C-alpha atoms as a PDB file:
ATOM      1  CA  UNK A   1      -0.097   0.233   0.016  1.00  0.00           C
ATOM      2  CA  UNK A   2       2.670   2.712   0.858  1.00  0.00           C
ATOM      3  CA  UNK A   3       4.235   2.166  -2.845  1.00  0.00           C
ATOM      4  CA  UNK A   4       0.781   3.219  -4.295  1.00  0.00           C
ATOM      5  CA  UNK A   5       0.312   6.283  -1.585  1.00  0.00           C
ATOM      6  CA  UNK A   6       3.885   7.429  -2.865  1.00  0.00           C
ATOM      7  CA  UNK A   7       2.880   6.963  -6.837  1.00  0.00           C
ATOM      8  CA  UNK A   8      -0.381   9.089  -5.496  1.00  0.00           C
ATOM      9  CA  UNK A   9       1.905  11.825  -3.945  1.00  0.00           C
ATOM     10  CA  UNK A  10       4.378  12.235  -7.193  1.00  0.00           C
ATOM     11  CA  UNK A  11       1.535  12.329  -9.269  1.00  0.00           C
ATOM     12  CA  UNK A  12       0.076  15.280  -6.889  1.00  0.00           C
ATOM     13  CA  UNK A  13       2.984  16.761  -7.060  1.00  0.00           C
ATOM     14  CA  UNK A  14       3.497  16.964 -10.664  1.00  0.00           C
ATOM     15  CA  UNK A  15       0.300  18.065 -11.327  1.00  0.00           C
ATOM     16  CA  UNK A  16       0.463  20.875  -9.028  1.00  0.00           C
ATOM     17  CA  UNK A  17       3.678  21.780 -10.566  1.00  0.00           C
ATOM     18  CA  UNK A  18       2.208  21.627 -13.961  1.00  0.00           C
ATOM     19  CA  UNK A  19      -0.562  23.711 -12.730  1.00  0.00           C
ATOM     20  CA  UNK A  20       1.892  26.405 -11.505  1.00  0.00           C
ATOM     21  CA  UNK A  21       3.915  26.101 -14.977  1.00  0.00           C
ATOM     22  CA  UNK A  22       0.606  26.672 -16.988  1.00  0.00           C
ATOM     23  CA  UNK A  23       0.428  30.207 -15.262  1.00  0.00           C
ATOM     24  CA  UNK A  24       3.682  31.172 -16.717  1.00  0.00           C
ATOM     25  CA  UNK A  25       7.376  31.521 -15.738  1.00  0.00           C
ATOM     26  CA  UNK A  26       6.759  35.121 -15.381  1.00  0.00           C
ATOM     27  CA  UNK A  27       4.928  35.077 -11.939  1.00  0.00           C
ATOM     28  CA  UNK A  28       1.525  35.590 -11.049  1.00  0.00           C
ATOM     29  CA  UNK A  29      -0.580  36.738 -13.758  1.00  0.00           C
ATOM     30  CA  UNK A  30      -4.274  38.019 -14.024  1.00  0.00           C
ATOM     31  CA  UNK A  31      -6.877  37.604 -16.557  1.00  0.00           C
ATOM     32  CA  UNK A  32      -7.335  40.584 -18.801  1.00  0.00           C
ATOM     33  CA  UNK A  33     -11.262  40.622 -17.850  1.00  0.00           C
ATOM     34  CA  UNK A  34     -10.058  41.421 -14.269  1.00  0.00           C
ATOM     35  CA  UNK A  35      -8.854  44.765 -15.917  1.00  0.00           C
ATOM     36  CA  UNK A  36     -10.441  47.678 -17.711  1.00  0.00           C
ATOM     37  CA  UNK A  37      -7.870  49.338 -20.053  1.00  0.00           C
ATOM     38  CA  UNK A  38      -8.331  52.511 -22.039  1.00  0.00           C
ATOM     39  CA  UNK A  39      -5.511  52.831 -24.580  1.00  0.00           C
ATOM     40  CA  UNK A  40      -2.059  51.936 -22.857  1.00  0.00           C
ATOM     41  CA  UNK A  41      -3.417  52.126 -19.260  1.00  0.00           C
ATOM     42  CA  UNK A  42      -5.487  49.896 -17.253  1.00  0.00           C
ATOM     43  CA  UNK A  43      -6.197  49.301 -13.657  1.00  0.00           C
ATOM     44  CA  UNK A  44      -8.101  46.215 -12.085  1.00  0.00           C
ATOM     45  CA  UNK A  45     -12.007  46.550 -11.700  1.00  0.00           C
ATOM     46  CA  UNK A  46     -11.525  46.607  -8.186  1.00  0.00           C
ATOM     47  CA  UNK A  47      -8.740  48.820  -7.234  1.00  0.00           C
ATOM     48  CA  UNK A  48      -8.257  51.747  -9.530  1.00  0.00           C
ATOM     49  CA  UNK A  49      -4.892  52.890  -7.589  1.00  0.00           C
ATOM     50  CA  UNK A  50      -3.242  50.350  -8.889  1.00  0.00           C
ATOM     51  CA  UNK A  51      -2.607  51.213 -12.315  1.00  0.00           C
ATOM     52  CA  UNK A  52      -1.184  48.914 -15.020  1.00  0.00           C
ATOM     53  CA  UNK A  53       0.890  50.303 -18.388  1.00  0.00           C
ATOM     54  CA  UNK A  54       1.927  48.546 -21.624  1.00  0.00           C
ATOM     55  CA  UNK A  55       4.549  50.725 -21.970  1.00  0.00           C
ATOM     56  CA  UNK A  56       7.905  50.533 -19.658  1.00  0.00           C
ATOM     57  CA  UNK A  57       9.180  54.051 -20.385  1.00  0.00           C
ATOM     58  CA  UNK A  58       7.981  57.069 -22.188  1.00  0.00           C
ATOM     59  CA  UNK A  59       4.202  56.677 -21.749  1.00  0.00           C
ATOM     60  CA  UNK A  60       3.676  60.143 -21.811  1.00  0.00           C
ATOM     61  CA  UNK A  61       6.348  61.669 -24.555  1.00  0.00           C
ATOM     62  CA  UNK A  62       6.741  58.938 -26.809  1.00  0.00           C
ATOM     63  CA  UNK A  63       5.820  59.151 -30.387  1.00  0.00           C
ATOM     64  CA  UNK A  64       2.240  57.135 -31.010  1.00  0.00           C
ATOM     65  CA  UNK A  65       1.087  56.024 -34.359  1.00  0.00           C
ATOM     66  CA  UNK A  66      -2.601  56.893 -35.095  1.00  0.00           C
ATOM     67  CA  UNK A  67      -4.857  54.010 -34.006  1.00  0.00           C
ATOM     68  CA  UNK A  68      -3.302  52.422 -31.095  1.00  0.00           C
ATOM     69  CA  UNK A  69      -6.080  52.841 -29.111  1.00  0.00           C
ATOM     70  CA  UNK A  70      -8.432  51.223 -31.148  1.00  0.00           C
ATOM     71  CA  UNK A  71      -5.748  48.488 -31.970  1.00  0.00           C
ATOM     72  CA  UNK A  72      -5.423  47.542 -28.193  1.00  0.00           C
ATOM     73  CA  UNK A  73      -9.235  47.833 -27.374  1.00  0.00           C
ATOM     74  CA  UNK A  74      -9.624  45.185 -30.508  1.00  0.00           C
ATOM     75  CA  UNK A  75      -6.761  42.984 -29.687  1.00  0.00           C
ATOM     76  CA  UNK A  76      -8.272  42.435 -26.043  1.00  0.00           C
ATOM     77  CA  UNK A  77     -11.504  42.068 -27.404  1.00  0.00           C
ATOM     78  CA  UNK A  78     -10.262  39.368 -29.868  1.00  0.00           C
ATOM     79  CA  UNK A  79      -8.373  37.671 -27.164  1.00  0.00           C
ATOM     80  CA  UNK A  80     -10.348  36.994 -23.897  1.00  0.00           C
ATOM     81  CA  UNK A  81      -8.316  34.575 -22.505  1.00  0.00           C
ATOM     82  CA  UNK A  82      -5.313  36.651 -22.030  1.00  0.00           C
ATOM     83  CA  UNK A  83      -3.104  37.412 -19.493  1.00  0.00           C
ATOM     84  CA  UNK A  84      -2.006  40.756 -17.838  1.00  0.00           C
ATOM     85  CA  UNK A  85       1.836  39.666 -16.758  1.00  0.00           C
ATOM     86  CA  UNK A  86       3.589  42.132 -14.204  1.00  0.00           C
ATOM     87  CA  UNK A  87       7.122  43.051 -15.074  1.00  0.00           C
ATOM     88  CA  UNK A  88       8.067  45.911 -12.621  1.00  0.00           C
ATOM     89  CA  UNK A  89       6.405  48.173 -10.227  1.00  0.00           C
ATOM     90  CA  UNK A  90       7.034  51.759  -9.268  1.00  0.00           C
ATOM     91  CA  UNK A  91       5.092  52.511  -5.710  1.00  0.00           C
ATOM     92  CA  UNK A  92       3.292  55.616  -4.307  1.00  0.00           C
ATOM     93  CA  UNK A  93       2.505  57.228  -7.813  1.00  0.00           C
ATOM     94  CA  UNK A  94      -0.599  58.806  -6.599  1.00  0.00           C
ATOM     95  CA  UNK A  95      -0.679  61.979  -4.252  1.00  0.00           C
ATOM     96  CA  UNK A  96      -2.905  61.169  -0.980  1.00  0.00           C
ATOM     97  CA  UNK A  97      -2.785  57.416  -2.088  1.00  0.00           C
ATOM     98  CA  UNK A  98       0.287  55.697  -0.387  1.00  0.00           C
ATOM     99  CA  UNK A  99      -0.637  52.373  -1.888  1.00  0.00           C
ATOM    100  CA  UNK A 100      -1.206  53.284  -5.217  1.00  0.00           C
ATOM    101  CA  UNK A 101       1.408  51.869  -7.954  1.00  0.00           C
ATOM    102  CA  UNK A 102       2.184  51.855 -11.423  1.00  0.00           C
ATOM    103  CA  UNK A 103       3.116  48.631 -12.968  1.00  0.00           C
ATOM    104  CA  UNK A 104       4.374  47.689 -16.335  1.00  0.00           C
ATOM    105  CA  UNK A 105       3.026  45.089 -17.901  1.00  0.00           C
ATOM    106  CA  UNK A 106       2.790  42.351 -20.920  1.00  0.00           C
ATOM    107  CA  UNK A 107      -0.303  41.394 -21.803  1.00  0.00           C
ATOM    108  CA  UNK A 108       0.144  37.659 -23.638  1.00  0.00           C
ATOM    109  CA  UNK A 109      -2.354  34.974 -24.903  1.00  0.00           C
ATOM    110  CA  UNK A 110      -0.640  31.708 -25.405  1.00  0.00           C
ATOM    111  CA  UNK A 111       2.168  32.683 -28.024  1.00  0.00           C
ATOM    112  CA  UNK A 112       0.975  36.222 -28.993  1.00  0.00           C
ATOM    113  CA  UNK A 113       1.954  39.211 -27.025  1.00  0.00           C
ATOM    114  CA  UNK A 114       0.393  42.551 -27.559  1.00  0.00           C
ATOM    115  CA  UNK A 115       3.351  44.667 -26.502  1.00  0.00           C
ATOM    116  CA  UNK A 116       5.320  42.843 -29.543  1.00  0.00           C
ATOM    117  CA  UNK A 117       2.309  43.590 -31.628  1.00  0.00           C
ATOM    118  CA  UNK A 118       2.615  47.204 -30.508  1.00  0.00           C
ATOM    119  CA  UNK A 119       6.135  47.625 -31.896  1.00  0.00           C
ATOM    120  CA  UNK A 120       5.819  45.119 -34.885  1.00  0.00           C
ATOM    121  CA  UNK A 121       3.132  47.491 -36.291  1.00  0.00           C
ATOM    122  CA  UNK A 122       5.055  50.330 -35.823  1.00  0.00           C
ATOM    123  CA  UNK A 123       2.455  51.941 -33.180  1.00  0.00           C
ATOM    124  CA  UNK A 124       5.476  52.788 -30.784  1.00  0.00           C
ATOM    125  CA  UNK A 125       9.150  52.532 -30.806  1.00  0.00           C
ATOM    126  CA  UNK A 126      10.889  49.759 -28.968  1.00  0.00           C
ATOM    127  CA  UNK A 127      12.459  51.597 -26.430  1.00  0.00           C
ATOM    128  CA  UNK A 128       9.080  52.059 -25.051  1.00  0.00           C
ATOM    129  CA  UNK A 129       9.371  48.672 -23.863  1.00  0.00           C
ATOM    130  CA  UNK A 130      12.368  48.940 -21.390  1.00  0.00           C
ATOM    131  CA  UNK A 131      11.480  48.534 -17.964  1.00  0.00           C
ATOM    132  CA  UNK A 132      11.923  51.394 -15.401  1.00  0.00           C
ATOM    133  CA  UNK A 133      15.790  51.290 -14.343  1.00  0.00           C
ATOM    134  CA  UNK A 134      15.407  52.556 -10.297  1.00  0.00           C
ATOM    135  CA  UNK A 135      12.911  52.238  -7.511  1.00  0.00           C
ATOM    136  CA  UNK A 136      11.225  49.530  -8.979  1.00  0.00           C
ATOM    137  CA  UNK A 137      10.204  45.924  -7.700  1.00  0.00           C
ATOM    138  CA  UNK A 138      10.571  43.659 -10.741  1.00  0.00           C
ATOM    139  CA  UNK A 139       8.902  40.344 -11.203  1.00  0.00           C
ATOM    140  CA  UNK A 140      10.640  38.860 -14.206  1.00  0.00           C
ATOM    141  CA  UNK A 141      13.915  36.786 -14.852  1.00  0.00           C
ATOM    142  CA  UNK A 142      16.809  38.708 -16.422  1.00  0.00           C
ATOM    143  CA  UNK A 143      16.717  35.592 -18.828  1.00  0.00           C
ATOM    144  CA  UNK A 144      12.913  36.312 -19.728  1.00  0.00           C
ATOM    145  CA  UNK A 145      13.391  39.871 -20.028  1.00  0.00           C
ATOM    146  CA  UNK A 146      16.441  39.726 -22.270  1.00  0.00           C
ATOM    147  CA  UNK A 147      14.268  37.503 -24.382  1.00  0.00           C
ATOM    148  CA  UNK A 148      11.762  39.733 -24.547  1.00  0.00           C
ATOM    149  CA  UNK A 149      13.530  42.635 -25.838  1.00  0.00           C
ATOM    150  CA  UNK A 150      15.050  40.618 -28.408  1.00  0.00           C
ATOM    151  CA  UNK A 151      11.664  40.186 -29.523  1.00  0.00           C
ATOM    152  CA  UNK A 152      11.464  43.588 -29.527  1.00  0.00           C
ATOM    153  CA  UNK A 153      14.360  44.604 -31.081  1.00  0.00           C
ATOM    154  CA  UNK A 154      13.258  42.274 -34.224  1.00  0.00           C
ATOM    155  CA  UNK A 155       9.653  43.452 -34.040  1.00  0.00           C
ATOM    156  CA  UNK A 156      11.226  47.334 -34.460  1.00  0.00           C
ATOM    157  CA  UNK A 157      13.726  46.288 -37.222  1.00  0.00           C
ATOM    158  CA  UNK A 158      10.785  45.102 -39.147  1.00  0.00           C
ATOM    159  CA  UNK A 159       8.508  48.123 -38.487  1.00  0.00           C
ATOM    160  CA  UNK A 160      11.523  50.258 -39.698  1.00  0.00           C
ATOM    161  CA  UNK A 161      11.891  48.516 -42.820  1.00  0.00           C
ATOM    162  CA  UNK A 162       8.501  48.173 -43.606  1.00  0.00           C
ATOM    163  CA  UNK A 163       7.870  51.929 -42.820  1.00  0.00           C
ATOM    164  CA  UNK A 164       4.998  51.157 -40.583  1.00  0.00           C
ATOM    165  CA  UNK A 165       3.103  53.652 -37.799  1.00  0.00           C
ATOM    166  CA  UNK A 166       6.049  56.097 -36.385  1.00  0.00           C
ATOM    167  CA  UNK A 167       8.440  54.575 -38.952  1.00  0.00           C
ATOM    168  CA  UNK A 168       6.464  56.187 -41.989  1.00  0.00           C
ATOM    169  CA  UNK A 169       8.615  59.230 -42.277  1.00  0.00           C
ATOM    170  CA  UNK A 170      11.843  57.720 -42.052  1.00  0.00           C
END
């Protein structure tokens, strides 16, 4: 009877690990349906003091191609199973709200990544996907972040070559 219990325990551990792995190596993700996004900014429906942004840097000053807001809304609608993946967080971003924060996030649906899609189609320059460097809590591994930035560089080269979006006049 003992070997059967041991085998059952191993199966349960593997199932739990598989479930954890299905969440993604990238940490605690949340369903896009738990959020309300308007353009590049979003917040959990239950707590608007926790801001999320699809851009890591330059979200107020960066060049942006026309139609980005519509594209983001359409992508989210077409990917109801997408997950919001926190990348890094800056704390205390709102005056009078000590628990407020701004979290740079990726939006992922299986192999599709909205952030990469935005860059590949020229809606933003690739540098907007750099994570902030100071006073942030980071949730992804260096390896995962470097792989993402490799995809961003390739996406930006494609958009530049095809003269898409912000690259039209260059």
